[in-house]
């Protein structure tokens, strides 16, 4: 069994974040998230939200961002009114968002963009 993974990507001011929960445990909740994310069967569910305090976490006072394209490179979905999305889990896949207008791409300490997640369950 693979453990649930949680990856948070946030964009710089104004901030946007992508929370992505991946794994193969049906119905497992992601620990530590303000809004529990769940995976059912071979689907991943996440949320894109305005990270107004730029802490990389989905806090109770933050809101989801609607109509943001999220993709696994094959399927593309738009986030709903609350910023939530569901995509099929595929082996060796990159999950990513398309930056909406008015937001900037976040970078880590090495200036690597933080708007995607690479899913390699077999290593």
N, C-alpha and C. Protein backbone atom coordinates (compact mmCIF):
# COMPACT_ATOMS: atom_id res chain seq x y z
N UNK A 1 0.84 -1.18 0.00
CA UNK A 1 0.00 0.00 0.00
C UNK A 1 0.88 1.24 0.00
N UNK A 2 0.41 2.23 -0.67
CA UNK A 2 1.13 3.49 -0.74
C UNK A 2 0.49 4.47 0.24
N UNK A 3 1.31 5.26 0.87
CA UNK A 3 0.79 6.25 1.81
C UNK A 3 0.22 7.44 1.05
N UNK A 4 -0.74 8.09 1.66
CA UNK A 4 -1.28 9.32 1.10
C UNK A 4 -0.20 10.38 1.15
N UNK A 5 -0.05 11.11 0.08
CA UNK A 5 0.92 12.20 0.04
C UNK A 5 0.16 13.51 -0.11
N UNK A 6 0.65 14.52 0.56
CA UNK A 6 0.02 15.84 0.46
C UNK A 6 1.09 16.80 -0.01
N UNK A 7 0.78 17.50 -1.06
CA UNK A 7 1.71 18.47 -1.61
C UNK A 7 0.99 19.80 -1.69
N UNK A 8 1.60 20.83 -1.19
CA UNK A 8 1.00 22.16 -1.21
C UNK A 8 1.88 23.05 -2.05
N UNK A 9 1.27 23.71 -2.99
CA UNK A 9 1.97 24.67 -3.83
C UNK A 9 1.25 25.99 -3.70
N UNK A 10 1.98 27.03 -3.44
CA UNK A 10 1.33 28.33 -3.32
C UNK A 10 2.00 29.33 -4.23
N UNK A 11 1.21 30.27 -4.71
CA UNK A 11 1.72 31.32 -5.57
C UNK A 11 1.95 32.58 -4.76
N UNK A 12 2.92 33.36 -5.18
CA UNK A 12 3.24 34.58 -4.44
C UNK A 12 2.13 35.60 -4.59
N UNK A 13 2.24 36.66 -3.85
CA UNK A 13 1.17 37.65 -3.70
C UNK A 13 0.64 38.15 -5.00
N UNK A 14 -0.69 38.21 -5.28
CA UNK A 14 -1.67 37.50 -4.46
C UNK A 14 -1.42 36.00 -4.54
N UNK A 15 -1.66 35.35 -3.47
CA UNK A 15 -1.26 33.95 -3.35
C UNK A 15 -2.34 33.00 -3.86
N UNK A 16 -1.88 31.90 -4.40
CA UNK A 16 -2.76 30.82 -4.83
C UNK A 16 -2.07 29.53 -4.42
N UNK A 17 -2.82 28.54 -4.04
CA UNK A 17 -2.19 27.28 -3.64
C UNK A 17 -2.95 26.11 -4.24
N UNK A 18 -2.24 25.04 -4.41
CA UNK A 18 -2.81 23.80 -4.89
C UNK A 18 -2.51 22.74 -3.83
N UNK A 19 -3.55 22.12 -3.32
CA UNK A 19 -3.36 21.02 -2.39
C UNK A 19 -3.74 19.76 -3.14
N UNK A 20 -2.85 18.81 -3.15
CA UNK A 20 -3.05 17.60 -3.93
C UNK A 20 -2.79 16.40 -3.04
N UNK A 21 -3.76 15.54 -2.90
CA UNK A 21 -3.60 14.33 -2.09
C UNK A 21 -3.52 13.14 -3.03
N UNK A 22 -2.46 12.37 -2.92
CA UNK A 22 -2.29 11.22 -3.78
C UNK A 22 -2.01 9.98 -2.96
N UNK A 23 -2.37 8.84 -3.46
CA UNK A 23 -2.10 7.57 -2.82
C UNK A 23 -3.05 6.53 -3.34
N UNK A 24 -3.00 5.36 -2.79
CA UNK A 24 -3.88 4.30 -3.25
C UNK A 24 -4.74 3.76 -2.13
N UNK A 25 -4.96 4.55 -1.10
CA UNK A 25 -5.81 4.13 0.01
C UNK A 25 -7.18 4.75 -0.17
N UNK A 26 -8.16 3.96 -0.50
CA UNK A 26 -9.50 4.48 -0.74
C UNK A 26 -10.06 5.11 0.52
N UNK A 27 -10.57 6.32 0.39
CA UNK A 27 -11.23 6.99 1.49
C UNK A 27 -10.32 7.49 2.58
N UNK A 28 -9.03 7.48 2.40
CA UNK A 28 -8.11 7.93 3.45
C UNK A 28 -8.05 9.45 3.49
N UNK A 29 -8.10 10.01 4.67
CA UNK A 29 -8.04 11.46 4.83
C UNK A 29 -6.59 11.91 4.92
N UNK A 30 -6.34 13.11 4.46
CA UNK A 30 -5.00 13.69 4.56
C UNK A 30 -4.89 14.40 5.90
N UNK A 31 -3.92 14.01 6.71
CA UNK A 31 -3.75 14.62 8.02
C UNK A 31 -3.25 16.05 7.89
N UNK A 32 -3.71 16.90 8.79
CA UNK A 32 -3.18 18.24 8.89
C UNK A 32 -3.78 19.25 7.94
N UNK A 33 -4.73 18.88 7.11
CA UNK A 33 -5.32 19.88 6.23
C UNK A 33 -6.58 20.42 6.88
N UNK A 34 -6.84 21.69 6.66
CA UNK A 34 -8.00 22.33 7.26
C UNK A 34 -9.29 21.72 6.71
N UNK A 35 -9.28 21.38 5.44
CA UNK A 35 -10.42 20.72 4.82
C UNK A 35 -9.95 19.34 4.39
N UNK A 36 -10.43 18.26 5.04
CA UNK A 36 -9.94 16.93 4.70
C UNK A 36 -10.12 16.63 3.22
N UNK A 37 -9.07 16.14 2.60
CA UNK A 37 -9.10 15.75 1.21
C UNK A 37 -9.16 14.23 1.18
N UNK A 38 -9.91 13.70 0.25
CA UNK A 38 -10.09 12.26 0.21
C UNK A 38 -9.79 11.72 -1.18
N UNK A 39 -9.37 10.47 -1.17
CA UNK A 39 -9.15 9.76 -2.42
C UNK A 39 -10.05 8.55 -2.43
N UNK A 40 -10.81 8.39 -3.49
CA UNK A 40 -11.67 7.23 -3.64
C UNK A 40 -11.20 6.45 -4.86
N UNK A 41 -10.97 5.17 -4.67
CA UNK A 41 -10.52 4.29 -5.74
C UNK A 41 -9.29 4.88 -6.43
N UNK A 42 -9.39 5.17 -7.71
CA UNK A 42 -8.25 5.69 -8.46
C UNK A 42 -8.43 7.15 -8.83
N UNK A 43 -8.99 7.94 -7.94
CA UNK A 43 -9.18 9.37 -8.18
C UNK A 43 -8.47 10.17 -7.11
N UNK A 44 -7.97 11.32 -7.51
CA UNK A 44 -7.35 12.23 -6.57
C UNK A 44 -8.22 13.48 -6.51
N UNK A 45 -8.44 13.97 -5.30
CA UNK A 45 -9.24 15.16 -5.09
C UNK A 45 -8.39 16.20 -4.40
N UNK A 46 -8.49 17.43 -4.84
CA UNK A 46 -7.69 18.50 -4.25
C UNK A 46 -8.43 19.81 -4.29
N UNK A 47 -7.74 20.86 -3.89
CA UNK A 47 -8.32 22.20 -3.88
C UNK A 47 -7.26 23.21 -4.27
N UNK A 48 -7.68 24.18 -5.07
CA UNK A 48 -6.84 25.33 -5.40
C UNK A 48 -7.45 26.49 -4.63
N UNK A 49 -6.62 27.18 -3.85
CA UNK A 49 -7.17 28.23 -2.99
C UNK A 49 -6.25 29.43 -2.91
N UNK A 50 -6.84 30.57 -2.56
CA UNK A 50 -6.08 31.80 -2.36
C UNK A 50 -5.41 31.73 -1.00
N UNK A 51 -4.11 31.60 -0.99
CA UNK A 51 -3.33 31.47 0.25
C UNK A 51 -2.96 32.87 0.73
N UNK A 52 -3.94 33.57 1.28
CA UNK A 52 -3.77 34.99 1.60
C UNK A 52 -2.70 35.28 2.63
N UNK A 53 -2.44 34.36 3.54
CA UNK A 53 -1.38 34.59 4.53
C UNK A 53 -0.05 33.95 4.11
N UNK A 54 -0.04 33.30 2.95
CA UNK A 54 1.16 32.72 2.34
C UNK A 54 1.88 31.71 3.23
N UNK A 55 1.09 30.91 3.97
CA UNK A 55 1.71 29.88 4.82
C UNK A 55 1.69 28.50 4.16
N UNK A 56 1.12 28.39 2.96
CA UNK A 56 1.08 27.12 2.26
C UNK A 56 0.01 26.16 2.74
N UNK A 57 -0.85 26.60 3.66
CA UNK A 57 -1.91 25.75 4.21
C UNK A 57 -3.27 26.35 3.88
N UNK A 58 -4.27 25.48 3.72
CA UNK A 58 -5.64 25.93 3.48
C UNK A 58 -6.28 26.23 4.82
N UNK A 59 -6.33 27.49 5.19
CA UNK A 59 -6.87 27.91 6.48
C UNK A 59 -8.37 28.20 6.36
N UNK A 60 -9.06 28.20 7.49
CA UNK A 60 -10.51 28.36 7.53
C UNK A 60 -10.99 29.66 6.89
N UNK A 61 -10.19 30.71 6.94
CA UNK A 61 -10.62 32.00 6.38
C UNK A 61 -10.22 32.18 4.92
N UNK A 62 -9.63 31.17 4.31
CA UNK A 62 -9.21 31.27 2.91
C UNK A 62 -10.25 30.62 2.00
N UNK A 63 -10.31 31.09 0.76
CA UNK A 63 -11.33 30.63 -0.16
C UNK A 63 -10.72 29.92 -1.36
N UNK A 64 -11.49 29.00 -1.92
CA UNK A 64 -11.08 28.30 -3.13
C UNK A 64 -11.18 29.22 -4.33
N UNK A 65 -10.45 28.86 -5.39
CA UNK A 65 -10.46 29.64 -6.62
C UNK A 65 -11.15 28.81 -7.70
N UNK A 66 -12.23 29.34 -8.25
CA UNK A 66 -13.03 28.63 -9.25
C UNK A 66 -12.42 28.72 -10.64
N UNK A 67 -12.75 27.74 -11.46
CA UNK A 67 -12.43 27.72 -12.89
C UNK A 67 -10.94 27.72 -13.20
N UNK A 68 -10.13 27.10 -12.34
CA UNK A 68 -8.70 26.96 -12.60
C UNK A 68 -8.47 25.59 -13.25
N UNK A 69 -7.83 25.55 -14.43
CA UNK A 69 -7.54 24.25 -15.04
C UNK A 69 -6.51 23.47 -14.23
N UNK A 70 -6.82 22.20 -13.96
CA UNK A 70 -5.92 21.27 -13.28
C UNK A 70 -5.82 20.05 -14.20
N UNK A 71 -4.61 19.51 -14.38
CA UNK A 71 -4.44 18.43 -15.33
C UNK A 71 -3.45 17.39 -14.84
N UNK A 72 -3.57 16.20 -15.39
CA UNK A 72 -2.59 15.14 -15.18
C UNK A 72 -1.84 14.86 -16.48
N UNK A 73 -1.94 15.77 -17.42
CA UNK A 73 -1.28 15.63 -18.71
C UNK A 73 -2.13 14.95 -19.76
N UNK A 74 -3.22 14.33 -19.32
CA UNK A 74 -4.15 13.67 -20.24
C UNK A 74 -5.55 14.23 -20.04
N UNK A 75 -5.98 14.27 -18.80
CA UNK A 75 -7.29 14.81 -18.45
C UNK A 75 -7.12 16.24 -17.95
N UNK A 76 -8.07 17.10 -18.27
CA UNK A 76 -8.07 18.48 -17.78
C UNK A 76 -9.44 18.74 -17.18
N UNK A 77 -9.46 19.25 -15.95
CA UNK A 77 -10.72 19.63 -15.30
C UNK A 77 -10.59 21.06 -14.81
N UNK A 78 -11.73 21.70 -14.60
CA UNK A 78 -11.75 23.03 -13.99
C UNK A 78 -12.19 22.88 -12.55
N UNK A 79 -11.61 23.68 -11.67
CA UNK A 79 -12.04 23.67 -10.28
C UNK A 79 -13.47 24.17 -10.19
N UNK A 80 -14.20 23.68 -9.19
CA UNK A 80 -15.59 24.11 -9.01
C UNK A 80 -15.63 25.45 -8.28
N UNK A 81 -16.80 25.89 -7.88
CA UNK A 81 -16.96 27.19 -7.23
C UNK A 81 -16.17 27.30 -5.93
N UNK A 82 -15.85 26.15 -5.29
CA UNK A 82 -15.09 26.16 -4.04
C UNK A 82 -13.61 25.83 -4.27
N UNK A 83 -13.19 25.74 -5.54
CA UNK A 83 -11.79 25.46 -5.86
C UNK A 83 -11.44 23.99 -5.87
N UNK A 84 -12.41 23.11 -5.73
CA UNK A 84 -12.14 21.67 -5.65
C UNK A 84 -12.13 21.03 -7.04
N UNK A 85 -11.38 19.93 -7.15
CA UNK A 85 -11.29 19.18 -8.41
C UNK A 85 -11.08 17.71 -8.10
N UNK A 86 -11.36 16.87 -9.09
CA UNK A 86 -11.10 15.43 -9.03
C UNK A 86 -10.52 15.00 -10.37
N UNK A 87 -9.44 14.23 -10.31
CA UNK A 87 -8.79 13.70 -11.50
C UNK A 87 -8.46 12.23 -11.29
N UNK A 88 -8.38 11.45 -12.38
CA UNK A 88 -7.95 10.06 -12.24
C UNK A 88 -6.48 9.98 -11.79
N UNK A 89 -6.17 8.99 -10.97
CA UNK A 89 -4.78 8.73 -10.58
C UNK A 89 -4.16 7.89 -11.69
N UNK A 90 -3.04 8.34 -12.19
CA UNK A 90 -2.32 7.61 -13.22
C UNK A 90 -0.89 7.41 -12.73
N UNK A 91 -0.30 6.28 -13.05
CA UNK A 91 1.08 5.98 -12.64
C UNK A 91 2.04 6.88 -13.41
N UNK A 92 3.09 7.32 -12.73
CA UNK A 92 4.12 8.16 -13.34
C UNK A 92 3.51 9.37 -14.05
N UNK A 93 2.84 10.19 -13.29
CA UNK A 93 2.10 11.33 -13.82
C UNK A 93 2.53 12.62 -13.14
N UNK A 94 2.47 13.70 -13.89
CA UNK A 94 2.68 15.03 -13.34
C UNK A 94 1.32 15.70 -13.26
N UNK A 95 0.93 16.13 -12.06
CA UNK A 95 -0.31 16.87 -11.85
C UNK A 95 0.06 18.34 -11.74
N UNK A 96 -0.69 19.21 -12.43
CA UNK A 96 -0.32 20.62 -12.42
C UNK A 96 -1.55 21.51 -12.62
N UNK A 97 -1.38 22.78 -12.25
CA UNK A 97 -2.42 23.78 -12.48
C UNK A 97 -1.93 24.74 -13.55
N UNK A 98 -2.88 25.42 -14.18
CA UNK A 98 -2.57 26.51 -15.09
C UNK A 98 -2.80 27.80 -14.32
N UNK A 99 -1.80 28.65 -14.27
CA UNK A 99 -1.85 29.88 -13.49
C UNK A 99 -2.97 30.78 -14.00
N UNK A 100 -3.90 31.14 -13.12
CA UNK A 100 -4.96 32.06 -13.53
C UNK A 100 -4.45 33.50 -13.56
N UNK A 101 -5.13 34.37 -14.30
CA UNK A 101 -4.73 35.79 -14.34
C UNK A 101 -4.71 36.39 -12.94
N UNK A 102 -3.77 37.28 -12.69
CA UNK A 102 -3.69 37.97 -11.41
C UNK A 102 -2.87 37.26 -10.36
N UNK A 103 -2.37 36.07 -10.66
CA UNK A 103 -1.55 35.32 -9.73
C UNK A 103 -0.16 35.13 -10.31
N UNK A 104 0.82 34.92 -9.44
CA UNK A 104 2.19 34.68 -9.86
C UNK A 104 2.59 33.27 -9.46
N UNK A 105 3.48 32.66 -10.22
CA UNK A 105 3.95 31.31 -9.91
C UNK A 105 4.90 31.37 -8.72
N UNK A 106 4.67 30.52 -7.70
CA UNK A 106 5.59 30.49 -6.56
C UNK A 106 6.86 29.73 -6.91
N UNK A 107 7.91 30.03 -6.22
CA UNK A 107 9.16 29.30 -6.39
C UNK A 107 9.67 28.90 -5.01
N UNK A 108 10.46 27.82 -4.96
CA UNK A 108 11.06 27.41 -3.70
C UNK A 108 12.39 28.14 -3.52
N UNK A 109 13.15 27.72 -2.50
CA UNK A 109 14.41 28.39 -2.19
C UNK A 109 15.44 28.29 -3.32
N UNK A 110 15.24 27.34 -4.24
CA UNK A 110 16.13 27.19 -5.40
C UNK A 110 15.52 27.77 -6.68
N UNK A 111 14.45 28.54 -6.54
CA UNK A 111 13.73 29.16 -7.66
C UNK A 111 13.08 28.15 -8.60
N UNK A 112 12.71 26.98 -8.08
CA UNK A 112 11.99 25.98 -8.86
C UNK A 112 10.49 26.26 -8.72
N UNK A 113 9.77 26.38 -9.83
CA UNK A 113 8.33 26.66 -9.76
C UNK A 113 7.60 25.58 -8.95
N UNK A 114 6.59 26.00 -8.17
CA UNK A 114 5.87 25.10 -7.28
C UNK A 114 4.38 25.06 -7.64
N UNK A 115 4.06 24.64 -8.85
CA UNK A 115 2.67 24.56 -9.28
C UNK A 115 2.32 23.16 -9.80
N UNK A 116 3.13 22.17 -9.44
CA UNK A 116 2.91 20.83 -9.95
C UNK A 116 3.33 19.80 -8.90
N UNK A 117 2.94 18.54 -9.15
CA UNK A 117 3.33 17.42 -8.32
C UNK A 117 3.65 16.25 -9.24
N UNK A 118 4.78 15.59 -9.04
CA UNK A 118 5.17 14.43 -9.83
C UNK A 118 4.82 13.18 -9.03
N UNK A 119 3.99 12.31 -9.59
CA UNK A 119 3.51 11.10 -8.91
C UNK A 119 4.22 9.89 -9.50
N UNK A 120 5.20 9.34 -8.77
CA UNK A 120 5.92 8.13 -9.15
C UNK A 120 5.81 7.12 -8.03
N UNK A 121 4.69 6.39 -7.93
CA UNK A 121 4.49 5.47 -6.81
C UNK A 121 5.48 4.31 -6.77
N UNK A 122 6.06 3.95 -7.90
CA UNK A 122 7.01 2.85 -7.93
C UNK A 122 8.44 3.32 -7.76
N UNK A 123 8.63 4.62 -7.54
CA UNK A 123 9.97 5.17 -7.32
C UNK A 123 10.53 5.63 -8.56
